Amino acid sequence: MNLNMKCEFPTCSEQATQGNFCFQHFRVYGRKEATKKVRKPIAKFSEKRKAESPEYRAFVAKFLSQPENKICNIQAPGCTWKATTINHLKRRFKDTKMNSEFVEPCCANCNAYIEQNDLWARENGHLLSKYKV
């Protein structure tokens, strides 16, 4: 380091003591860029869910392709009458997720209505308790 070297800051006339800057300007301008830690994004689906997904989608497609499952069974306010998804009567548990006894055809509006109105769904038989056998 050359002792006669001046600070590289444009209006400073102090002697450079730390690299190319004086002590005061080194604190702000002389530090090396900290390496930013790259964060790994959170996976949208677990490895287990990714493995189950094709089988589940095939089950839904087969269930909705049957003639008796083309019309929405729920018919809540805002129903479109065309079944595009399924409602799980006992939520999505391992033993009931792909069991046609515990699913019913419904439109997306009715499915959302069930999620928002739990009591109404239970009173009308569209949601069963997971504790009752």
N, C-alpha and C. Protein backbone atom coordinates (compact mmCIF):
# COMPACT_ATOMS: atom_id res chain seq x y z
N MET A 1 0.85 -1.17 0.00
CA MET A 1 0.00 0.00 0.00
C MET A 1 0.90 1.23 0.00
N ASN A 2 0.58 2.13 -0.89
CA ASN A 2 1.34 3.37 -1.03
C ASN A 2 0.84 4.37 -0.01
N LEU A 3 1.73 4.92 0.81
CA LEU A 3 1.33 5.86 1.84
C LEU A 3 0.95 7.24 1.28
N ASN A 4 1.39 7.56 0.08
CA ASN A 4 1.09 8.86 -0.51
C ASN A 4 -0.22 8.84 -1.30
N MET A 5 -0.89 7.76 -1.29
CA MET A 5 -2.10 7.63 -2.08
C MET A 5 -3.25 8.34 -1.39
N LYS A 6 -4.05 9.06 -2.17
CA LYS A 6 -5.20 9.78 -1.63
C LYS A 6 -6.45 8.91 -1.74
N CYS A 7 -7.44 9.24 -0.93
CA CYS A 7 -8.72 8.55 -0.94
C CYS A 7 -9.38 8.72 -2.30
N GLU A 8 -10.00 7.67 -2.81
CA GLU A 8 -10.65 7.72 -4.12
C GLU A 8 -11.99 8.42 -4.11
N PHE A 9 -12.54 8.75 -2.95
CA PHE A 9 -13.80 9.47 -2.91
C PHE A 9 -13.60 10.85 -3.53
N PRO A 10 -14.49 11.31 -4.42
CA PRO A 10 -14.25 12.52 -5.23
C PRO A 10 -13.83 13.77 -4.47
N THR A 11 -14.42 14.11 -3.36
CA THR A 11 -14.11 15.38 -2.69
C THR A 11 -13.22 15.20 -1.47
N CYS A 12 -12.72 14.01 -1.22
CA CYS A 12 -11.91 13.74 -0.04
C CYS A 12 -10.43 13.97 -0.34
N SER A 13 -9.73 14.60 0.60
CA SER A 13 -8.29 14.83 0.42
C SER A 13 -7.49 14.07 1.47
N GLU A 14 -8.12 13.18 2.21
CA GLU A 14 -7.45 12.38 3.24
C GLU A 14 -6.58 11.32 2.59
N GLN A 15 -5.69 10.79 3.38
CA GLN A 15 -4.80 9.74 2.91
C GLN A 15 -5.54 8.40 2.96
N ALA A 16 -5.34 7.59 1.94
CA ALA A 16 -5.97 6.26 1.89
C ALA A 16 -5.26 5.36 2.87
N THR A 17 -6.00 4.89 3.86
CA THR A 17 -5.41 4.01 4.87
C THR A 17 -5.91 2.57 4.73
N GLN A 18 -7.06 2.41 4.11
CA GLN A 18 -7.63 1.08 3.98
C GLN A 18 -8.01 0.86 2.52
N GLY A 19 -7.15 0.21 1.79
CA GLY A 19 -7.40 -0.01 0.37
C GLY A 19 -7.28 1.31 -0.37
N ASN A 20 -8.29 1.67 -1.12
CA ASN A 20 -8.27 2.90 -1.91
C ASN A 20 -9.03 4.04 -1.24
N PHE A 21 -9.49 3.85 -0.02
CA PHE A 21 -10.29 4.86 0.66
C PHE A 21 -9.68 5.20 2.02
N CYS A 22 -10.06 6.38 2.52
CA CYS A 22 -9.69 6.73 3.89
C CYS A 22 -10.59 5.94 4.85
N PHE A 23 -10.30 6.07 6.14
CA PHE A 23 -11.05 5.30 7.12
C PHE A 23 -12.54 5.58 7.06
N GLN A 24 -12.94 6.87 6.95
CA GLN A 24 -14.34 7.25 6.95
C GLN A 24 -15.09 6.71 5.73
N HIS A 25 -14.49 6.85 4.55
CA HIS A 25 -15.17 6.41 3.33
C HIS A 25 -15.08 4.90 3.13
N PHE A 26 -14.11 4.25 3.73
CA PHE A 26 -14.00 2.80 3.60
C PHE A 26 -15.18 2.11 4.27
N ARG A 27 -15.68 2.70 5.37
CA ARG A 27 -16.81 2.09 6.07
C ARG A 27 -18.05 2.00 5.18
N VAL A 28 -18.20 2.96 4.25
CA VAL A 28 -19.39 2.98 3.40
C VAL A 28 -19.11 2.40 2.02
N TYR A 29 -17.99 2.79 1.41
CA TYR A 29 -17.75 2.43 0.02
C TYR A 29 -16.71 1.34 -0.19
N GLY A 30 -15.90 1.07 0.80
CA GLY A 30 -14.77 0.17 0.58
C GLY A 30 -15.02 -1.28 0.87
N ARG A 31 -16.15 -1.59 1.47
CA ARG A 31 -16.41 -2.99 1.80
C ARG A 31 -16.74 -3.78 0.56
N LYS A 32 -16.31 -5.00 0.58
CA LYS A 32 -16.64 -5.89 -0.52
C LYS A 32 -18.11 -6.27 -0.43
N GLU A 33 -18.71 -6.52 -1.55
CA GLU A 33 -20.11 -6.93 -1.60
C GLU A 33 -20.28 -8.27 -0.89
N ALA A 34 -21.20 -8.29 0.01
CA ALA A 34 -21.49 -9.54 0.69
C ALA A 34 -22.20 -10.47 -0.28
N THR A 35 -21.80 -11.69 -0.27
CA THR A 35 -22.45 -12.65 -1.16
C THR A 35 -23.84 -12.95 -0.61
N LYS A 36 -24.84 -12.76 -1.44
CA LYS A 36 -26.20 -13.00 -1.01
C LYS A 36 -26.47 -14.50 -1.04
N LYS A 37 -27.09 -14.94 0.02
CA LYS A 37 -27.43 -16.35 0.11
C LYS A 37 -28.66 -16.61 -0.74
N VAL A 38 -28.54 -17.51 -1.65
CA VAL A 38 -29.65 -17.85 -2.53
C VAL A 38 -30.58 -18.78 -1.78
N ARG A 39 -31.82 -18.34 -1.66
CA ARG A 39 -32.80 -19.15 -0.94
C ARG A 39 -33.48 -20.12 -1.89
N LYS A 40 -33.60 -21.31 -1.42
CA LYS A 40 -34.28 -22.33 -2.20
C LYS A 40 -35.78 -22.15 -2.02
N PRO A 41 -36.54 -22.06 -3.11
CA PRO A 41 -37.98 -21.87 -2.96
C PRO A 41 -38.64 -23.10 -2.32
N ILE A 42 -39.71 -22.84 -1.61
CA ILE A 42 -40.45 -23.93 -0.98
C ILE A 42 -41.21 -24.70 -2.06
N ALA A 43 -41.11 -25.99 -2.01
CA ALA A 43 -41.77 -26.83 -3.00
C ALA A 43 -43.29 -26.72 -2.86
N LYS A 44 -43.99 -26.63 -3.99
CA LYS A 44 -45.45 -26.54 -3.96
C LYS A 44 -46.08 -27.88 -3.58
N PHE A 45 -45.42 -28.96 -3.96
CA PHE A 45 -45.92 -30.29 -3.64
C PHE A 45 -44.78 -31.13 -3.10
N SER A 46 -45.08 -31.99 -2.14
CA SER A 46 -44.07 -32.90 -1.60
C SER A 46 -43.80 -34.00 -2.62
N GLU A 47 -42.73 -34.71 -2.41
CA GLU A 47 -42.39 -35.81 -3.31
C GLU A 47 -43.48 -36.89 -3.28
N LYS A 48 -44.04 -37.11 -2.11
CA LYS A 48 -45.12 -38.09 -1.98
C LYS A 48 -46.34 -37.65 -2.79
N ARG A 49 -46.70 -36.37 -2.68
CA ARG A 49 -47.86 -35.85 -3.40
C ARG A 49 -47.62 -35.90 -4.91
N LYS A 50 -46.39 -35.61 -5.34
CA LYS A 50 -46.08 -35.67 -6.77
C LYS A 50 -46.25 -37.09 -7.31
N ALA A 51 -45.89 -38.08 -6.49
CA ALA A 51 -46.03 -39.47 -6.91
C ALA A 51 -47.50 -39.90 -6.96
N GLU A 52 -48.32 -39.38 -6.04
CA GLU A 52 -49.74 -39.75 -5.99
C GLU A 52 -50.58 -39.01 -7.02
N SER A 53 -50.13 -37.87 -7.45
CA SER A 53 -50.93 -36.98 -8.29
C SER A 53 -51.44 -37.62 -9.59
N PRO A 54 -50.62 -38.29 -10.39
CA PRO A 54 -51.16 -38.88 -11.62
C PRO A 54 -52.26 -39.91 -11.37
N GLU A 55 -52.09 -40.71 -10.34
CA GLU A 55 -53.09 -41.72 -10.01
C GLU A 55 -54.40 -41.05 -9.56
N TYR A 56 -54.27 -39.99 -8.75
CA TYR A 56 -55.45 -39.27 -8.26
C TYR A 56 -56.19 -38.58 -9.41
N ARG A 57 -55.44 -37.92 -10.30
CA ARG A 57 -56.08 -37.25 -11.45
C ARG A 57 -56.79 -38.24 -12.35
N ALA A 58 -56.22 -39.43 -12.51
CA ALA A 58 -56.87 -40.47 -13.31
C ALA A 58 -58.17 -40.92 -12.64
N PHE A 59 -58.15 -41.04 -11.30
CA PHE A 59 -59.36 -41.42 -10.57
C PHE A 59 -60.46 -40.37 -10.76
N VAL A 60 -60.11 -39.10 -10.65
CA VAL A 60 -61.09 -38.01 -10.80
C VAL A 60 -61.66 -38.00 -12.21
N ALA A 61 -60.80 -38.15 -13.22
CA ALA A 61 -61.26 -38.14 -14.61
C ALA A 61 -62.20 -39.31 -14.88
N LYS A 62 -61.85 -40.48 -14.37
CA LYS A 62 -62.70 -41.66 -14.57
C LYS A 62 -64.03 -41.49 -13.84
N PHE A 63 -64.00 -40.95 -12.63
CA PHE A 63 -65.22 -40.75 -11.85
C PHE A 63 -66.15 -39.76 -12.53
N LEU A 64 -65.62 -38.66 -13.03
CA LEU A 64 -66.45 -37.63 -13.67
C LEU A 64 -66.91 -38.01 -15.07
N SER A 65 -66.27 -39.00 -15.68
CA SER A 65 -66.67 -39.42 -17.03
C SER A 65 -67.90 -40.33 -17.02
N GLN A 66 -68.27 -40.85 -15.87
CA GLN A 66 -69.44 -41.71 -15.79
C GLN A 66 -70.71 -40.86 -15.96
N PRO A 67 -71.72 -41.38 -16.66
CA PRO A 67 -72.92 -40.59 -16.96
C PRO A 67 -73.65 -40.06 -15.72
N GLU A 68 -73.68 -40.85 -14.65
CA GLU A 68 -74.40 -40.40 -13.45
C GLU A 68 -73.64 -39.31 -12.67
N ASN A 69 -72.40 -39.05 -13.04
CA ASN A 69 -71.60 -38.05 -12.34
C ASN A 69 -71.36 -36.79 -13.16
N LYS A 70 -72.17 -36.52 -14.15
CA LYS A 70 -71.99 -35.33 -15.00
C LYS A 70 -72.66 -34.09 -14.40
N ILE A 71 -73.62 -34.27 -13.49
CA ILE A 71 -74.37 -33.15 -12.91
C ILE A 71 -73.95 -32.98 -11.45
N CYS A 72 -73.84 -31.73 -11.02
CA CYS A 72 -73.46 -31.40 -9.65
C CYS A 72 -74.51 -31.90 -8.67
N ASN A 73 -74.09 -32.63 -7.65
CA ASN A 73 -75.01 -33.16 -6.64
C ASN A 73 -75.28 -32.18 -5.52
N ILE A 74 -74.52 -31.14 -5.40
CA ILE A 74 -74.62 -30.26 -4.24
C ILE A 74 -75.71 -29.21 -4.42
N GLN A 75 -75.68 -28.52 -5.53
CA GLN A 75 -76.67 -27.50 -5.90
C GLN A 75 -76.81 -26.43 -4.82
N ALA A 76 -75.69 -25.89 -4.40
CA ALA A 76 -75.64 -24.79 -3.44
C ALA A 76 -75.90 -23.48 -4.19
N PRO A 77 -76.07 -22.36 -3.50
CA PRO A 77 -76.24 -21.08 -4.20
C PRO A 77 -75.05 -20.79 -5.12
N GLY A 78 -75.34 -20.44 -6.36
CA GLY A 78 -74.30 -20.17 -7.36
C GLY A 78 -73.87 -21.39 -8.14
N CYS A 79 -74.64 -22.46 -8.07
CA CYS A 79 -74.29 -23.71 -8.75
C CYS A 79 -74.35 -23.53 -10.27
N THR A 80 -73.40 -24.16 -10.98
CA THR A 80 -73.38 -24.13 -12.44
C THR A 80 -73.96 -25.42 -13.04
N TRP A 81 -74.29 -26.38 -12.23
CA TRP A 81 -74.90 -27.67 -12.59
C TRP A 81 -73.98 -28.64 -13.30
N LYS A 82 -72.87 -28.20 -13.83
CA LYS A 82 -71.95 -29.12 -14.53
C LYS A 82 -70.83 -29.52 -13.57
N ALA A 83 -70.69 -30.80 -13.33
CA ALA A 83 -69.67 -31.30 -12.41
C ALA A 83 -68.30 -31.21 -13.07
N THR A 84 -67.40 -30.47 -12.44
CA THR A 84 -66.04 -30.33 -12.95
C THR A 84 -65.01 -30.83 -11.95
N THR A 85 -65.43 -31.10 -10.73
CA THR A 85 -64.51 -31.58 -9.70
C THR A 85 -65.29 -32.49 -8.75
N ILE A 86 -64.63 -32.96 -7.72
CA ILE A 86 -65.30 -33.84 -6.78
C ILE A 86 -65.20 -33.26 -5.37
N ASN A 87 -66.21 -33.56 -4.57
CA ASN A 87 -66.23 -33.16 -3.17
C ASN A 87 -65.94 -34.40 -2.33
N HIS A 88 -64.99 -34.27 -1.42
CA HIS A 88 -64.66 -35.37 -0.52
C HIS A 88 -65.53 -35.26 0.71
N LEU A 89 -66.34 -36.25 0.95
CA LEU A 89 -67.25 -36.23 2.10
C LEU A 89 -66.49 -36.31 3.42
N LYS A 90 -65.38 -37.02 3.45
CA LYS A 90 -64.57 -37.15 4.66
C LYS A 90 -63.20 -36.52 4.45
N ARG A 91 -63.15 -35.41 3.79
CA ARG A 91 -61.90 -34.72 3.46
C ARG A 91 -61.01 -35.66 2.67
N ARG A 92 -59.72 -35.42 2.64
CA ARG A 92 -58.84 -36.24 1.81
C ARG A 92 -57.91 -37.08 2.67
N PHE A 93 -58.43 -38.12 3.25
CA PHE A 93 -57.62 -39.01 4.04
C PHE A 93 -57.13 -40.16 3.16
N LYS A 94 -56.11 -40.83 3.61
CA LYS A 94 -55.46 -41.87 2.82
C LYS A 94 -56.45 -42.95 2.36
N ASP A 95 -57.33 -43.40 3.25
CA ASP A 95 -58.23 -44.48 2.90
C ASP A 95 -59.49 -44.02 2.16
N THR A 96 -59.82 -42.73 2.21
CA THR A 96 -61.04 -42.25 1.57
C THR A 96 -60.79 -41.36 0.36
N LYS A 97 -59.54 -41.03 0.09
CA LYS A 97 -59.24 -40.07 -0.97
C LYS A 97 -59.68 -40.58 -2.35
N MET A 98 -59.43 -41.83 -2.63
CA MET A 98 -59.79 -42.39 -3.93
C MET A 98 -60.82 -43.50 -3.80
N ASN A 99 -61.73 -43.34 -2.87
CA ASN A 99 -62.82 -44.28 -2.67
C ASN A 99 -64.10 -43.61 -3.16
N SER A 100 -64.74 -44.19 -4.16
CA SER A 100 -65.91 -43.56 -4.77
C SER A 100 -67.11 -43.48 -3.81
N GLU A 101 -67.07 -44.18 -2.68
CA GLU A 101 -68.13 -44.08 -1.69
C GLU A 101 -68.09 -42.74 -0.96
N PHE A 102 -66.93 -42.14 -0.87
CA PHE A 102 -66.76 -40.93 -0.08
C PHE A 102 -66.52 -39.68 -0.93
N VAL A 103 -66.88 -39.73 -2.20
CA VAL A 103 -66.77 -38.54 -3.06
C VAL A 103 -68.08 -38.36 -3.81
N GLU A 104 -68.36 -37.13 -4.19
CA GLU A 104 -69.55 -36.84 -4.99
C GLU A 104 -69.18 -35.78 -6.02
N PRO A 105 -69.80 -35.82 -7.20
CA PRO A 105 -69.48 -34.84 -8.23
C PRO A 105 -70.04 -33.47 -7.87
N CYS A 106 -69.28 -32.43 -8.19
CA CYS A 106 -69.75 -31.08 -7.92
C CYS A 106 -69.06 -30.09 -8.84
N CYS A 107 -69.63 -28.89 -8.92
CA CYS A 107 -69.00 -27.82 -9.69
C CYS A 107 -68.03 -27.07 -8.76
N ALA A 108 -67.19 -26.25 -9.33
CA ALA A 108 -66.19 -25.53 -8.54
C ALA A 108 -66.84 -24.55 -7.57
N ASN A 109 -67.95 -23.92 -7.97
CA ASN A 109 -68.64 -22.98 -7.08
C ASN A 109 -69.17 -23.68 -5.84
N CYS A 110 -69.79 -24.84 -6.03
CA CYS A 110 -70.32 -25.58 -4.88
C CYS A 110 -69.20 -26.09 -3.98
N ASN A 111 -68.10 -26.50 -4.57
CA ASN A 111 -66.97 -26.97 -3.78
C ASN A 111 -66.43 -25.84 -2.90
N ALA A 112 -66.35 -24.64 -3.45
CA ALA A 112 -65.91 -23.48 -2.67
C ALA A 112 -66.93 -23.13 -1.60
N TYR A 113 -68.21 -23.26 -1.93
CA TYR A 113 -69.28 -22.96 -0.96
C TYR A 113 -69.20 -23.91 0.23
N ILE A 114 -68.91 -25.17 -0.03
CA ILE A 114 -68.77 -26.15 1.05
C ILE A 114 -67.59 -25.78 1.95
N GLU A 115 -66.48 -25.38 1.33
CA GLU A 115 -65.30 -25.01 2.12
C GLU A 115 -65.57 -23.80 3.01
N GLN A 116 -66.39 -22.89 2.54
CA GLN A 116 -66.68 -21.66 3.29
C GLN A 116 -67.82 -21.83 4.29
N ASN A 117 -68.71 -22.78 4.05
CA ASN A 117 -69.89 -22.96 4.90
C ASN A 117 -69.92 -24.39 5.44
N ASP A 118 -69.07 -24.64 6.40
CA ASP A 118 -68.91 -25.97 6.97
C ASP A 118 -70.20 -26.50 7.59
N LEU A 119 -70.87 -25.67 8.38
CA LEU A 119 -72.10 -26.10 9.06
C LEU A 119 -73.19 -26.48 8.05
N TRP A 120 -73.37 -25.66 7.01
CA TRP A 120 -74.36 -25.95 5.98
C TRP A 120 -74.05 -27.29 5.31
N ALA A 121 -72.78 -27.52 5.02
CA ALA A 121 -72.37 -28.76 4.35
C ALA A 121 -72.65 -29.97 5.24
N ARG A 122 -72.38 -29.85 6.52
CA ARG A 122 -72.63 -30.97 7.44
C ARG A 122 -74.12 -31.24 7.59
N GLU A 123 -74.93 -30.18 7.66
CA GLU A 123 -76.38 -30.34 7.80
C GLU A 123 -77.01 -30.99 6.56
N ASN A 124 -76.46 -30.73 5.39
CA ASN A 124 -77.00 -31.26 4.14
C ASN A 124 -76.30 -32.55 3.68
N GLY A 125 -75.43 -33.10 4.48
CA GLY A 125 -74.80 -34.39 4.18
C GLY A 125 -73.68 -34.33 3.16
N HIS A 126 -73.12 -33.16 2.93
CA HIS A 126 -72.02 -33.04 1.98
C HIS A 126 -70.65 -33.08 2.65
N LEU A 127 -70.65 -33.18 3.96
CA LEU A 127 -69.40 -33.28 4.73
C LEU A 127 -69.68 -34.16 5.93
N LEU A 128 -68.93 -35.23 6.06
CA LEU A 128 -69.11 -36.17 7.16
C LEU A 128 -67.99 -36.01 8.17
N SER A 129 -68.26 -36.35 9.41
CA SER A 129 -67.26 -36.27 10.45
C SER A 129 -66.23 -37.37 10.27
N LYS A 130 -64.98 -37.02 10.52
CA LYS A 130 -63.92 -38.03 10.39
C LYS A 130 -63.89 -38.96 11.60
N TYR A 131 -64.63 -38.60 12.66
CA TYR A 131 -64.62 -39.39 13.88
C TYR A 131 -65.72 -40.45 13.92
N LYS A 132 -66.80 -40.23 13.16
CA LYS A 132 -67.88 -41.20 13.13
C LYS A 132 -67.57 -42.29 12.11
N VAL A 133 -67.88 -43.52 12.49
CA VAL A 133 -67.57 -44.64 11.60
C VAL A 133 -68.73 -44.95 10.68
